[in-house]
PDB file of N, CA and C in Angstrom:
ATOM      1  N   UNK A   1       0.691  -1.197  -0.087  1.00  0.00           N
ATOM      2  CA  UNK A   1       0.008  -0.175   0.038  1.00  0.00           C
ATOM      3  C   UNK A   1       0.924   1.047   0.114  1.00  0.00           C
ATOM      4  N   UNK A   2       0.738   2.263  -0.901  1.00  0.00           N
ATOM      5  CA  UNK A   2       1.494   3.399  -1.022  1.00  0.00           C
ATOM      6  C   UNK A   2       0.852   4.450  -0.285  1.00  0.00           C
ATOM      7  N   UNK A   3       1.039   5.023   0.589  1.00  0.00           N
ATOM      8  CA  UNK A   3       0.516   6.123   1.526  1.00  0.00           C
ATOM      9  C   UNK A   3       1.606   7.170   1.647  1.00  0.00           C
ATOM     10  N   UNK A   4       1.278   8.325   1.060  1.00  0.00           N
ATOM     11  CA  UNK A   4       1.708   9.802   1.274  1.00  0.00           C
ATOM     12  C   UNK A   4       1.616  10.192   2.894  1.00  0.00           C
ATOM     13  N   UNK A   5       2.928  10.907   3.111  1.00  0.00           N
ATOM     14  CA  UNK A   5       2.872  11.375   4.157  1.00  0.00           C
ATOM     15  C   UNK A   5       1.500  12.532   4.238  1.00  0.00           C
ATOM     16  N   UNK A   6       1.156  12.805   5.552  1.00  0.00           N
ATOM     17  CA  UNK A   6       0.019  13.939   5.519  1.00  0.00           C
ATOM     18  C   UNK A   6       0.464  15.158   4.941  1.00  0.00           C
ATOM     19  N   UNK A   7       1.762  15.633   4.934  1.00  0.00           N
ATOM     20  CA  UNK A   7       2.392  16.718   4.289  1.00  0.00           C
ATOM     21  C   UNK A   7       2.519  16.841   2.961  1.00  0.00           C
ATOM     22  N   UNK A   8       2.440  15.698   2.468  1.00  0.00           N
ATOM     23  CA  UNK A   8       2.642  15.290   1.104  1.00  0.00           C
ATOM     24  C   UNK A   8       1.262  15.353   0.472  1.00  0.00           C
ATOM     25  N   UNK A   9      -0.008  15.221   1.180  1.00  0.00           N
ATOM     26  CA  UNK A   9      -1.330  15.586   0.950  1.00  0.00           C
ATOM     27  C   UNK A   9      -1.544  17.046   1.133  1.00  0.00           C
ATOM     28  N   UNK A  10      -1.307  17.699   2.175  1.00  0.00           N
ATOM     29  CA  UNK A  10      -1.272  18.776   2.156  1.00  0.00           C
ATOM     30  C   UNK A  10      -0.581  19.736   0.913  1.00  0.00           C
ATOM     31  N   UNK A  11       0.299  19.355   0.744  1.00  0.00           N
ATOM     32  CA  UNK A  11       1.374  20.078  -0.488  1.00  0.00           C
ATOM     33  C   UNK A  11       0.688  19.922  -1.787  1.00  0.00           C
ATOM     34  N   UNK A  12       0.077  18.697  -1.883  1.00  0.00           N
ATOM     35  CA  UNK A  12      -0.582  18.427  -3.290  1.00  0.00           C
ATOM     36  C   UNK A  12      -1.742  19.298  -3.543  1.00  0.00           C
ATOM     37  N   UNK A  13      -2.341  19.200  -2.414  1.00  0.00           N
ATOM     38  CA  UNK A  13      -3.757  20.188  -2.474  1.00  0.00           C
ATOM     39  C   UNK A  13      -3.434  21.778  -2.305  1.00  0.00           C
ATOM     40  N   UNK A  14      -2.370  22.120  -1.534  1.00  0.00           N
ATOM     41  CA  UNK A  14      -1.916  23.423  -1.907  1.00  0.00           C
ATOM     42  C   UNK A  14      -1.537  23.934  -3.125  1.00  0.00           C
ATOM     43  N   UNK A  15      -0.909  23.065  -3.991  1.00  0.00           N
ATOM     44  CA  UNK A  15      -0.488  23.206  -5.311  1.00  0.00           C
ATOM     45  C   UNK A  15      -1.200  23.237  -6.420  1.00  0.00           C
ATOM     46  N   UNK A  16      -2.169  22.827  -5.894  1.00  0.00           N
ATOM     47  CA  UNK A  16      -3.364  22.424  -7.340  1.00  0.00           C
ATOM     48  C   UNK A  16      -4.284  23.678  -7.484  1.00  0.00           C
ATOM     49  N   UNK A  17      -4.474  24.199  -8.708  1.00  0.00           N
ATOM     50  CA  UNK A  17      -5.392  25.370  -8.941  1.00  0.00           C
ATOM     51  C   UNK A  17      -6.774  24.989  -8.838  1.00  0.00           C
ATOM     52  N   UNK A  18      -7.536  25.316  -7.895  1.00  0.00           N
ATOM     53  CA  UNK A  18      -8.860  24.951  -8.186  1.00  0.00           C
ATOM     54  C   UNK A  18      -9.885  26.130  -8.889  1.00  0.00           C
ATOM     55  N   UNK A  19     -10.342  25.881  -9.585  1.00  0.00           N
ATOM     56  CA  UNK A  19     -11.274  27.162 -10.324  1.00  0.00           C
ATOM     57  C   UNK A  19     -12.540  26.924  -9.844  1.00  0.00           C
ATOM     58  N   UNK A  20     -13.440  28.085  -9.810  1.00  0.00           N
ATOM     59  CA  UNK A  20     -14.607  28.028  -9.496  1.00  0.00           C
ATOM     60  C   UNK A  20     -14.850  29.026  -8.457  1.00  0.00           C
ATOM     61  N   UNK A  21     -15.772  28.872  -7.309  1.00  0.00           N
ATOM     62  CA  UNK A  21     -16.571  29.845  -6.489  1.00  0.00           C
ATOM     63  C   UNK A  21     -15.308  30.357  -5.542  1.00  0.00           C
ATOM     64  N   UNK A  22     -14.712  29.668  -5.433  1.00  0.00           N
ATOM     65  CA  UNK A  22     -13.314  29.993  -4.427  1.00  0.00           C
ATOM     66  C   UNK A  22     -12.633  31.143  -4.508  1.00  0.00           C
ATOM     67  N   UNK A  23     -12.225  31.110  -5.871  1.00  0.00           N
ATOM     68  CA  UNK A  23     -11.499  32.038  -6.483  1.00  0.00           C
ATOM     69  C   UNK A  23     -12.306  33.433  -6.606  1.00  0.00           C
ATOM     70  N   UNK A  24     -13.312  33.125  -7.056  1.00  0.00           N
ATOM     71  CA  UNK A  24     -14.303  34.288  -6.941  1.00  0.00           C
ATOM     72  C   UNK A  24     -14.759  35.168  -5.574  1.00  0.00           C
ATOM     73  N   UNK A  25     -14.896  34.201  -4.706  1.00  0.00           N
ATOM     74  CA  UNK A  25     -15.015  34.940  -3.177  1.00  0.00           C
ATOM     75  C   UNK A  25     -14.087  35.405  -2.623  1.00  0.00           C
ATOM     76  N   UNK A  26     -12.782  34.936  -3.102  1.00  0.00           N
ATOM     77  CA  UNK A  26     -11.618  35.317  -2.677  1.00  0.00           C
ATOM     78  C   UNK A  26     -11.447  37.179  -3.304  1.00  0.00           C
ATOM     79  N   UNK A  27     -11.546  36.895  -4.382  1.00  0.00           N
ATOM     80  CA  UNK A  27     -11.326  38.174  -5.086  1.00  0.00           C
ATOM     81  C   UNK A  27     -12.525  39.352  -4.609  1.00  0.00           C
ATOM     82  N   UNK A  28     -13.749  38.807  -4.262  1.00  0.00           N
ATOM     83  CA  UNK A  28     -14.441  39.799  -4.173  1.00  0.00           C
ATOM     84  C   UNK A  28     -14.309  39.976  -2.264  1.00  0.00           C
ATOM     85  N   UNK A  29     -13.985  39.465  -1.883  1.00  0.00           N
ATOM     86  CA  UNK A  29     -13.409  39.722  -0.361  1.00  0.00           C
ATOM     87  C   UNK A  29     -12.319  40.896  -0.395  1.00  0.00           C
ATOM     88  N   UNK A  30     -11.119  40.350  -1.030  1.00  0.00           N
ATOM     89  CA  UNK A  30     -10.270  41.288  -1.547  1.00  0.00           C
ATOM     90  C   UNK A  30     -10.758  42.886  -1.650  1.00  0.00           C
ATOM     91  N   UNK A  31     -11.426  42.805  -2.802  1.00  0.00           N
ATOM     92  CA  UNK A  31     -12.088  44.135  -3.049  1.00  0.00           C
ATOM     93  C   UNK A  31     -12.950  44.803  -1.872  1.00  0.00           C
ATOM     94  N   UNK A  32     -13.529  44.278  -1.310  1.00  0.00           N
ATOM     95  CA  UNK A  32     -14.337  44.706  -0.038  1.00  0.00           C
ATOM     96  C   UNK A  32     -13.555  45.464   0.658  1.00  0.00           C
ATOM     97  N   UNK A  33     -12.177  44.390   1.230  1.00  0.00           N
ATOM     98  CA  UNK A  33     -11.433  45.091   2.120  1.00  0.00           C
ATOM     99  C   UNK A  33     -10.739  46.141   1.600  1.00  0.00           C
ATOM    100  N   UNK A  34     -10.336  46.316   0.190  1.00  0.00           N
ATOM    101  CA  UNK A  34      -9.806  47.386  -0.453  1.00  0.00           C
ATOM    102  C   UNK A  34     -10.628  48.995  -0.457  1.00  0.00           C
ATOM    103  N   UNK A  35     -11.957  48.539  -0.812  1.00  0.00           N
ATOM    104  CA  UNK A  35     -12.972  49.750  -0.742  1.00  0.00           C
ATOM    105  C   UNK A  35     -13.310  50.116   0.949  1.00  0.00           C
ATOM    106  N   UNK A  36     -13.346  49.232   1.791  1.00  0.00           N
ATOM    107  CA  UNK A  36     -13.141  49.644   3.124  1.00  0.00           C
ATOM    108  C   UNK A  36     -12.153  50.645   3.581  1.00  0.00           C
ATOM    109  N   UNK A  37     -10.699  49.992   3.272  1.00  0.00           N
ATOM    110  CA  UNK A  37      -9.616  51.091   3.634  1.00  0.00           C
ATOM    111  C   UNK A  37      -9.755  52.131   3.159  1.00  0.00           C
ATOM    112  N   UNK A  38     -10.240  52.282   1.739  1.00  0.00           N
ATOM    113  CA  UNK A  38     -10.258  53.551   1.055  1.00  0.00           C
ATOM    114  C   UNK A  38     -11.474  54.513   1.938  1.00  0.00           C
ATOM    115  N   UNK A  39     -12.310  54.254   2.425  1.00  0.00           N
ATOM    116  CA  UNK A  39     -13.314  54.982   3.047  1.00  0.00           C
ATOM    117  C   UNK A  39     -12.652  55.304   4.595  1.00  0.00           C
ATOM    118  N   UNK A  40     -12.337  54.477   5.284  1.00  0.00           N
ATOM    119  CA  UNK A  40     -11.632  54.455   6.553  1.00  0.00           C
ATOM    120  C   UNK A  40     -10.715  55.461   6.132  1.00  0.00           C
ATOM    121  N   UNK A  41      -9.606  55.322   5.415  1.00  0.00           N
ATOM    122  CA  UNK A  41      -8.534  56.085   5.305  1.00  0.00           C
ATOM    123  C   UNK A  41      -8.537  57.347   4.484  1.00  0.00           C
ATOM    124  N   UNK A  42      -9.773  57.741   4.156  1.00  0.00           N
ATOM    125  CA  UNK A  42     -10.063  58.802   2.873  1.00  0.00           C
ATOM    126  C   UNK A  42      -9.299  60.024   3.601  1.00  0.00           C
ATOM    127  N   UNK A  43      -9.407  60.558   4.711  1.00  0.00           N
ATOM    128  CA  UNK A  43      -8.986  61.770   5.517  1.00  0.00           C
ATOM    129  C   UNK A  43      -7.674  61.495   5.427  1.00  0.00           C
ATOM    130  N   UNK A  44      -7.329  60.333   5.869  1.00  0.00           N
ATOM    131  CA  UNK A  44      -5.657  60.289   6.061  1.00  0.00           C
ATOM    132  C   UNK A  44      -4.849  60.485   4.663  1.00  0.00           C
ATOM    133  N   UNK A  45      -5.444  60.161   3.772  1.00  0.00           N
ATOM    134  CA  UNK A  45      -4.929  59.922   2.321  1.00  0.00           C
ATOM    135  C   UNK A  45      -5.011  61.458   1.765  1.00  0.00           C
ATOM    136  N   UNK A  46      -5.809  62.314   1.970  1.00  0.00           N
ATOM    137  CA  UNK A  46      -6.201  63.590   1.209  1.00  0.00           C
ATOM    138  C   UNK A  46      -5.440  64.276   2.035  1.00  0.00           C
ATOM    139  N   UNK A  47      -5.131  64.295   3.306  1.00  0.00           N
ATOM    140  CA  UNK A  47      -3.958  65.051   3.707  1.00  0.00           C
ATOM    141  C   UNK A  47      -2.416  64.922   3.381  1.00  0.00           C
ATOM    142  N   UNK A  48      -2.180  63.493   3.357  1.00  0.00           N
ATOM    143  CA  UNK A  48      -0.959  63.001   2.826  1.00  0.00           C
ATOM    144  C   UNK A  48      -0.590  63.566   1.173  1.00  0.00           C
ATOM    145  N   UNK A  49      -1.815  63.469   0.524  1.00  0.00           N
ATOM    146  CA  UNK A  49      -1.580  64.083  -0.932  1.00  0.00           C
ATOM    147  C   UNK A  49      -1.328  65.601  -0.835  1.00  0.00           C
ATOM    148  N   UNK A  50      -2.269  66.129   0.063  1.00  0.00           N
ATOM    149  CA  UNK A  50      -1.941  67.800   0.130  1.00  0.00           C
ATOM    150  C   UNK A  50      -0.710  68.197   0.791  1.00  0.00           C
ATOM    151  N   UNK A  51      -0.345  67.227   1.207  1.00  0.00           N
ATOM    152  CA  UNK A  51       1.247  67.372   1.970  1.00  0.00           C
ATOM    153  C   UNK A  51       2.480  67.292   0.835  1.00  0.00           C
ATOM    154  N   UNK A  52       2.157  66.233   0.092  1.00  0.00           N
ATOM    155  CA  UNK A  52       3.082  66.300  -1.210  1.00  0.00           C
ATOM    156  C   UNK A  52       3.013  67.202  -1.899  1.00  0.00           C
ATOM    157  N   UNK A  53       1.814  67.426  -2.611  1.00  0.00           N
ATOM    158  CA  UNK A  53       1.423  68.673  -3.548  1.00  0.00           C
ATOM    159  C   UNK A  53       2.120  69.996  -3.055  1.00  0.00           C
ATOM    160  N   UNK A  54       1.676  70.282  -1.594  1.00  0.00           N
ATOM    161  CA  UNK A  54       2.379  71.592  -1.082  1.00  0.00           C
ATOM    162  C   UNK A  54       4.123  71.601  -1.170  1.00  0.00           C
ATOM    163  N   UNK A  55       4.552  70.495  -0.657  1.00  0.00           N
ATOM    164  CA  UNK A  55       6.053  70.484  -0.776  1.00  0.00           C
ATOM    165  C   UNK A  55       6.334  70.710  -2.020  1.00  0.00           C
ATOM    166  N   UNK A  56       5.885  69.907  -3.270  1.00  0.00           N
ATOM    167  CA  UNK A  56       6.201  70.063  -4.666  1.00  0.00           C
ATOM    168  C   UNK A  56       6.169  71.768  -4.850  1.00  0.00           C
ATOM    169  N   UNK A  57       4.813  72.051  -4.703  1.00  0.00           N
ATOM    170  CA  UNK A  57       4.736  73.145  -5.314  1.00  0.00           C
ATOM    171  C   UNK A  57       5.802  74.605  -4.510  1.00  0.00           C
ATOM    172  N   UNK A  58       5.956  74.596  -3.395  1.00  0.00           N
ATOM    173  CA  UNK A  58       6.996  75.231  -2.737  1.00  0.00           C
ATOM    174  C   UNK A  58       8.491  75.070  -3.478  1.00  0.00           C
ATOM    175  N   UNK A  59       8.637  73.685  -3.628  1.00  0.00           N
ATOM    176  CA  UNK A  59       9.976  73.574  -4.167  1.00  0.00           C
ATOM    177  C   UNK A  59      10.280  74.233  -5.659  1.00  0.00           C
ATOM    178  N   UNK A  60       8.891  74.002  -6.635  1.00  0.00           N
ATOM    179  CA  UNK A  60       9.059  74.541  -7.847  1.00  0.00           C
ATOM    180  C   UNK A  60       9.128  76.068  -7.511  1.00  0.00           C
ATOM    181  N   UNK A  61       8.504  76.640  -6.824  1.00  0.00           N
ATOM    182  CA  UNK A  61       8.476  77.965  -6.326  1.00  0.00           C
ATOM    183  C   UNK A  61       9.735  78.421  -6.206  1.00  0.00           C
ATOM    184  N   UNK A  62      10.617  77.705  -5.454  1.00  0.00           N
ATOM    185  CA  UNK A  62      12.116  77.947  -5.099  1.00  0.00           C
ATOM    186  C   UNK A  62      12.919  78.163  -5.921  1.00  0.00           C
ATOM    187  N   UNK A  63      12.540  76.989  -6.923  1.00  0.00           N
ATOM    188  CA  UNK A  63      13.808  76.831  -8.027  1.00  0.00           C
ATOM    189  C   UNK A  63      13.421  77.965  -9.238  1.00  0.00           C
ATOM    190  N   UNK A  64      12.139  78.390  -9.460  1.00  0.00           N
ATOM    191  CA  UNK A  64      11.804  79.183 -10.333  1.00  0.00           C
ATOM    192  C   UNK A  64      12.132  80.858 -10.059  1.00  0.00           C
ATOM    193  N   UNK A  65      12.474  80.765  -8.469  1.00  0.00           N
ATOM    194  CA  UNK A  65      12.578  82.191  -8.104  1.00  0.00           C
ATOM    195  C   UNK A  65      14.216  82.359  -8.051  1.00  0.00           C
ATOM    196  N   UNK A  66      14.721  81.161  -8.131  1.00  0.00           N
ATOM    197  CA  UNK A  66      16.487  81.373  -8.020  1.00  0.00           C
ATOM    198  C   UNK A  66      16.951  81.859  -9.509  1.00  0.00           C
ATOM    199  N   UNK A  67      17.403  83.115  -9.579  1.00  0.00           N
ATOM    200  CA  UNK A  67      17.945  83.562 -10.969  1.00  0.00           C
ATOM    201  C   UNK A  67      18.818  82.366 -11.573  1.00  0.00           C
ATOM    202  N   UNK A  68      18.708  82.058 -12.690  1.00  0.00           N
ATOM    203  CA  UNK A  68      19.614  81.523 -13.104  1.00  0.00           C
ATOM    204  C   UNK A  68      20.014  79.719 -12.685  1.00  0.00           C
ATOM    205  N   UNK A  69      19.129  79.331 -12.072  1.00  0.00           N
ATOM    206  CA  UNK A  69      18.823  78.216 -11.527  1.00  0.00           C
ATOM    207  C   UNK A  69      18.783  76.880 -12.500  1.00  0.00           C
ATOM    208  N   UNK A  70      19.673  75.946 -12.810  1.00  0.00           N
ATOM    209  CA  UNK A  70      19.501  74.962 -13.766  1.00  0.00           C
ATOM    210  C   UNK A  70      20.115  75.538 -14.882  1.00  0.00           C
ATOM    211  N   UNK A  71      20.321  76.897 -15.109  1.00  0.00           N
ATOM    212  CA  UNK A  71      21.197  77.119 -16.562  1.00  0.00           C
ATOM    213  C   UNK A  71      19.891  77.785 -17.175  1.00  0.00           C
ATOM    214  N   UNK A  72      18.642  78.132 -16.613  1.00  0.00           N
ATOM    215  CA  UNK A  72      17.229  78.506 -17.066  1.00  0.00           C
ATOM    216  C   UNK A  72      17.528  80.270 -16.851  1.00  0.00           C
ATOM    217  N   UNK A  73      16.795  80.842 -17.914  1.00  0.00           N
ATOM    218  CA  UNK A  73      16.724  82.339 -17.461  1.00  0.00           C
ATOM    219  C   UNK A  73      16.117  82.832 -15.941  1.00  0.00           C
ATOM    220  N   UNK A  74      16.183  83.873 -15.668  1.00  0.00           N
ATOM    221  CA  UNK A  74      15.609  84.158 -14.665  1.00  0.00           C
ATOM    222  C   UNK A  74      13.933  84.532 -14.915  1.00  0.00           C
ATOM    223  N   UNK A  75      13.016  83.524 -14.231  1.00  0.00           N
ATOM    224  CA  UNK A  75      11.906  83.649 -14.637  1.00  0.00           C
ATOM    225  C   UNK A  75      11.015  84.590 -13.813  1.00  0.00           C
ATOM    226  N   UNK A  76      11.313  85.514 -12.729  1.00  0.00           N
ATOM    227  CA  UNK A  76      10.745  86.210 -12.030  1.00  0.00           C
ATOM    228  C   UNK A  76      10.179  87.652 -12.868  1.00  0.00           C
ATOM    229  N   UNK A  77      10.682  87.893 -13.921  1.00  0.00           N
ATOM    230  CA  UNK A  77      10.216  89.010 -14.656  1.00  0.00           C
ATOM    231  C   UNK A  77       9.195  88.562 -15.884  1.00  0.00           C
ATOM    232  N   UNK A  78       9.222  87.345 -15.995  1.00  0.00           N
ATOM    233  CA  UNK A  78       8.299  87.066 -17.300  1.00  0.00           C
ATOM    234  C   UNK A  78       7.308  86.843 -17.051  1.00  0.00           C
TER     235      UNK A  78
END
């Protein structure tokens, strides 16, 4: 009698690709979790994006207000 060890059976089951309802349910579950995270983190995400945009705007203003920065002409009077 040829018996596989329990770990062999578990490995065979884990490596087998099963199609059908299981994959669909996992996908739907992950989508629901992602949507919930978006709703919960909306304010934090908005603040995070605003901080990045503000920093980039300040940096751009600084670069453009420096005469001759990066070989560009003085942009203050244009």
